[in-house]
N, C-alpha and C. Protein backbone atom coordinates (compact mmCIF):
# COMPACT_ATOMS: atom_id res chain seq x y z
N MET A 1 18.42 14.83 28.51
CA MET A 1 19.48 13.86 28.42
C MET A 1 20.26 14.13 27.13
N THR A 2 21.56 14.04 27.21
CA THR A 2 22.39 14.33 26.05
C THR A 2 22.73 13.04 25.28
N PRO A 3 23.11 13.18 24.03
CA PRO A 3 23.56 12.00 23.29
C PRO A 3 24.72 11.28 23.99
N ASP A 4 25.64 12.03 24.59
CA ASP A 4 26.77 11.41 25.30
C ASP A 4 26.30 10.61 26.51
N GLN A 5 25.29 11.09 27.21
CA GLN A 5 24.75 10.35 28.36
C GLN A 5 24.07 9.06 27.91
N ILE A 6 23.35 9.12 26.81
CA ILE A 6 22.70 7.93 26.27
C ILE A 6 23.77 6.92 25.85
N LYS A 7 24.76 7.40 25.13
CA LYS A 7 25.86 6.52 24.69
C LYS A 7 26.54 5.86 25.88
N ALA A 8 26.81 6.60 26.92
CA ALA A 8 27.47 6.05 28.11
C ALA A 8 26.65 4.93 28.74
N ARG A 9 25.34 5.12 28.82
CA ARG A 9 24.49 4.07 29.41
C ARG A 9 24.50 2.81 28.55
N ILE A 10 24.45 3.00 27.24
CA ILE A 10 24.47 1.84 26.35
C ILE A 10 25.81 1.11 26.46
N LEU A 11 26.90 1.87 26.52
CA LEU A 11 28.23 1.25 26.63
C LEU A 11 28.43 0.53 27.96
N THR A 12 27.76 0.97 29.00
CA THR A 12 27.83 0.26 30.28
C THR A 12 27.24 -1.14 30.13
N ALA A 13 26.14 -1.24 29.41
CA ALA A 13 25.47 -2.53 29.22
C ALA A 13 26.10 -3.36 28.10
N LEU A 14 26.62 -2.69 27.08
CA LEU A 14 27.20 -3.37 25.91
C LEU A 14 28.60 -2.79 25.66
N PRO A 15 29.59 -3.17 26.49
CA PRO A 15 30.90 -2.52 26.43
C PRO A 15 31.64 -2.66 25.10
N ASP A 16 31.29 -3.68 24.32
CA ASP A 16 31.97 -3.88 23.04
C ASP A 16 31.34 -3.06 21.91
N ALA A 17 30.27 -2.37 22.20
CA ALA A 17 29.47 -1.72 21.16
C ALA A 17 30.16 -0.49 20.56
N GLU A 18 29.83 -0.26 19.30
CA GLU A 18 30.09 1.02 18.65
C GLU A 18 28.73 1.71 18.61
N VAL A 19 28.67 2.94 19.07
CA VAL A 19 27.39 3.61 19.26
C VAL A 19 27.44 5.01 18.64
N ARG A 20 26.40 5.33 17.87
CA ARG A 20 26.23 6.69 17.36
C ARG A 20 24.82 7.15 17.75
N ILE A 21 24.74 8.26 18.44
CA ILE A 21 23.46 8.83 18.87
C ILE A 21 23.28 10.18 18.19
N THR A 22 22.09 10.40 17.66
CA THR A 22 21.76 11.68 17.02
C THR A 22 20.50 12.25 17.65
N ASP A 23 20.58 13.52 18.04
CA ASP A 23 19.39 14.24 18.50
C ASP A 23 18.65 14.67 17.24
N THR A 24 17.55 14.02 16.93
CA THR A 24 16.90 14.20 15.63
C THR A 24 16.11 15.50 15.50
N THR A 25 15.73 16.12 16.61
CA THR A 25 14.94 17.35 16.54
C THR A 25 15.64 18.56 17.14
N GLY A 26 16.74 18.33 17.84
CA GLY A 26 17.44 19.42 18.50
C GLY A 26 16.84 19.79 19.85
N GLY A 27 15.78 19.09 20.25
CA GLY A 27 15.10 19.39 21.50
C GLY A 27 15.56 18.58 22.69
N GLY A 28 16.45 17.61 22.46
CA GLY A 28 16.97 16.81 23.55
C GLY A 28 16.06 15.73 24.07
N ASP A 29 15.04 15.35 23.28
CA ASP A 29 14.16 14.26 23.73
C ASP A 29 13.80 13.26 22.62
N HIS A 30 14.20 13.53 21.39
CA HIS A 30 13.97 12.62 20.26
C HIS A 30 15.34 12.25 19.68
N PHE A 31 15.64 10.95 19.65
CA PHE A 31 16.95 10.50 19.25
C PHE A 31 16.87 9.33 18.27
N SER A 32 17.95 9.17 17.51
CA SER A 32 18.14 7.94 16.76
C SER A 32 19.48 7.37 17.22
N ALA A 33 19.57 6.05 17.23
CA ALA A 33 20.78 5.38 17.69
C ALA A 33 21.14 4.25 16.73
N THR A 34 22.39 4.21 16.36
CA THR A 34 22.93 3.07 15.63
C THR A 34 23.90 2.38 16.57
N ILE A 35 23.64 1.11 16.82
CA ILE A 35 24.44 0.36 17.77
C ILE A 35 24.91 -0.92 17.10
N VAL A 36 26.21 -1.12 17.10
CA VAL A 36 26.81 -2.32 16.51
C VAL A 36 27.48 -3.08 17.64
N SER A 37 27.04 -4.33 17.86
CA SER A 37 27.58 -5.11 18.97
C SER A 37 27.49 -6.60 18.67
N ALA A 38 28.51 -7.33 19.07
CA ALA A 38 28.48 -8.79 18.96
C ALA A 38 27.41 -9.39 19.86
N ALA A 39 26.98 -8.66 20.87
CA ALA A 39 25.93 -9.15 21.78
C ALA A 39 24.61 -9.36 21.06
N PHE A 40 24.45 -8.79 19.88
CA PHE A 40 23.21 -8.95 19.12
C PHE A 40 23.16 -10.25 18.32
N ALA A 41 24.28 -10.96 18.24
CA ALA A 41 24.32 -12.20 17.47
C ALA A 41 23.29 -13.19 18.00
N ASP A 42 22.62 -13.86 17.10
CA ASP A 42 21.63 -14.89 17.43
C ASP A 42 20.44 -14.34 18.22
N ARG A 43 20.19 -13.05 18.12
CA ARG A 43 19.03 -12.43 18.77
C ARG A 43 18.18 -11.75 17.71
N GLY A 44 16.89 -11.86 17.89
CA GLY A 44 15.97 -11.18 16.99
C GLY A 44 15.91 -9.69 17.29
N LEU A 45 15.22 -8.97 16.43
CA LEU A 45 15.12 -7.52 16.55
C LEU A 45 14.54 -7.09 17.90
N VAL A 46 13.48 -7.75 18.33
CA VAL A 46 12.83 -7.38 19.59
C VAL A 46 13.79 -7.57 20.76
N ASP A 47 14.52 -8.68 20.78
CA ASP A 47 15.47 -8.93 21.87
C ASP A 47 16.62 -7.92 21.86
N ARG A 48 17.06 -7.55 20.67
CA ARG A 48 18.12 -6.53 20.57
C ARG A 48 17.64 -5.21 21.16
N HIS A 49 16.43 -4.82 20.80
CA HIS A 49 15.89 -3.57 21.30
C HIS A 49 15.67 -3.63 22.81
N ARG A 50 15.26 -4.77 23.31
CA ARG A 50 15.09 -4.92 24.76
C ARG A 50 16.40 -4.72 25.50
N LEU A 51 17.51 -5.20 24.92
CA LEU A 51 18.82 -4.97 25.54
C LEU A 51 19.11 -3.48 25.67
N VAL A 52 18.81 -2.74 24.62
CA VAL A 52 19.05 -1.29 24.64
C VAL A 52 18.09 -0.61 25.61
N TYR A 53 16.83 -0.98 25.57
CA TYR A 53 15.85 -0.38 26.49
C TYR A 53 16.24 -0.64 27.94
N ALA A 54 16.72 -1.84 28.24
CA ALA A 54 17.15 -2.16 29.60
C ALA A 54 18.32 -1.28 30.02
N ALA A 55 19.22 -1.01 29.09
CA ALA A 55 20.37 -0.15 29.40
C ALA A 55 19.93 1.27 29.73
N LEU A 56 18.87 1.73 29.10
CA LEU A 56 18.40 3.10 29.31
C LEU A 56 17.41 3.23 30.45
N GLY A 57 16.81 2.12 30.85
CA GLY A 57 15.95 2.07 32.02
C GLY A 57 14.91 3.17 32.09
N GLU A 58 14.91 3.89 33.21
CA GLU A 58 13.90 4.91 33.50
C GLU A 58 13.92 6.08 32.53
N ALA A 59 14.99 6.24 31.78
CA ALA A 59 15.06 7.35 30.83
C ALA A 59 14.03 7.21 29.72
N LEU A 60 13.45 6.01 29.58
CA LEU A 60 12.44 5.76 28.55
C LEU A 60 11.02 5.59 29.12
N ARG A 61 10.90 5.52 30.42
CA ARG A 61 9.61 5.17 31.02
C ARG A 61 8.87 6.37 31.59
N GLY A 62 7.58 6.39 31.37
CA GLY A 62 6.73 7.39 31.99
C GLY A 62 6.61 8.67 31.18
N SER A 63 5.64 9.46 31.55
CA SER A 63 5.36 10.69 30.80
C SER A 63 6.43 11.76 31.01
N ASN A 64 7.20 11.68 32.06
CA ASN A 64 8.26 12.65 32.33
C ASN A 64 9.65 12.13 31.96
N ALA A 65 9.70 11.04 31.21
CA ALA A 65 10.99 10.46 30.83
C ALA A 65 11.75 11.43 29.93
N PRO A 66 13.08 11.52 30.11
CA PRO A 66 13.85 12.45 29.29
C PRO A 66 13.95 12.05 27.81
N ILE A 67 13.75 10.77 27.53
CA ILE A 67 13.75 10.32 26.13
C ILE A 67 12.31 10.05 25.73
N HIS A 68 11.80 10.85 24.82
CA HIS A 68 10.42 10.70 24.37
C HIS A 68 10.34 9.72 23.19
N ALA A 69 11.33 9.75 22.30
CA ALA A 69 11.33 8.88 21.13
C ALA A 69 12.76 8.43 20.85
N LEU A 70 12.89 7.15 20.46
CA LEU A 70 14.20 6.58 20.16
C LEU A 70 14.06 5.61 18.99
N ALA A 71 14.66 5.97 17.87
CA ALA A 71 14.69 5.09 16.69
C ALA A 71 15.99 4.30 16.76
N LEU A 72 15.89 2.97 16.66
CA LEU A 72 17.06 2.12 16.82
C LEU A 72 17.43 1.38 15.54
N THR A 73 18.73 1.32 15.28
CA THR A 73 19.31 0.40 14.31
C THR A 73 20.29 -0.44 15.11
N THR A 74 20.06 -1.74 15.16
CA THR A 74 20.91 -2.63 15.94
C THR A 74 21.45 -3.72 15.02
N GLU A 75 22.78 -3.82 14.95
CA GLU A 75 23.41 -4.78 14.05
C GLU A 75 24.61 -5.43 14.72
N THR A 76 24.92 -6.64 14.29
CA THR A 76 26.18 -7.26 14.68
C THR A 76 27.28 -6.64 13.82
N PRO A 77 28.53 -6.79 14.20
CA PRO A 77 29.61 -6.27 13.34
C PRO A 77 29.56 -6.84 11.93
N GLU A 78 29.23 -8.10 11.79
CA GLU A 78 29.14 -8.72 10.47
C GLU A 78 28.02 -8.11 9.64
N GLU A 79 26.86 -7.90 10.27
CA GLU A 79 25.75 -7.27 9.56
C GLU A 79 26.11 -5.85 9.15
N TYR A 80 26.77 -5.13 10.02
CA TYR A 80 27.15 -3.76 9.71
C TYR A 80 28.09 -3.73 8.51
N ARG A 81 29.10 -4.60 8.52
CA ARG A 81 30.04 -4.64 7.38
C ARG A 81 29.31 -5.00 6.09
N LYS A 82 28.42 -5.96 6.16
CA LYS A 82 27.67 -6.39 4.98
C LYS A 82 26.77 -5.27 4.45
N ASN A 83 26.18 -4.50 5.36
CA ASN A 83 25.24 -3.46 4.97
C ASN A 83 25.90 -2.13 4.64
N THR A 84 27.18 -2.01 4.94
CA THR A 84 27.88 -0.77 4.66
C THR A 84 28.14 -0.65 3.17
N ASP A 85 27.75 0.47 2.62
CA ASP A 85 27.88 0.67 1.17
C ASP A 85 28.99 1.63 0.79
N GLY A 86 29.84 1.97 1.74
CA GLY A 86 30.91 2.91 1.45
C GLY A 86 30.55 4.35 1.76
N ASN A 87 29.26 4.65 1.83
CA ASN A 87 28.82 6.01 2.13
C ASN A 87 28.37 6.15 3.57
N ARG A 88 28.17 5.05 4.23
CA ARG A 88 27.64 5.07 5.59
C ARG A 88 28.76 5.30 6.57
N ARG A 89 28.55 6.18 7.51
CA ARG A 89 29.54 6.47 8.53
C ARG A 89 29.55 5.38 9.58
N SER A 90 30.70 5.18 10.17
CA SER A 90 30.82 4.25 11.29
C SER A 90 30.06 4.82 12.48
N PRO A 91 29.42 3.93 13.29
CA PRO A 91 28.70 4.45 14.45
C PRO A 91 29.55 5.17 15.44
């Protein structure tokens, strides 16, 4: 699965999101994702991650899943602005 395919699935579920996906090992199965969406407002970390996992569905499930590891950063736009230090790239 490519970073663009992962991004597309997330955007289908969270159309307002800004999404950055990085293949962390170059092998196409370990990724990190930064997702900024208003849909995360008033949701805890676990619920935010569940939204992303639901968007990716079977790509995360089972021993033959194309995504073996996914590190998530999930923030609202307000949190992202607050946490941006000038050196951080936009998702």
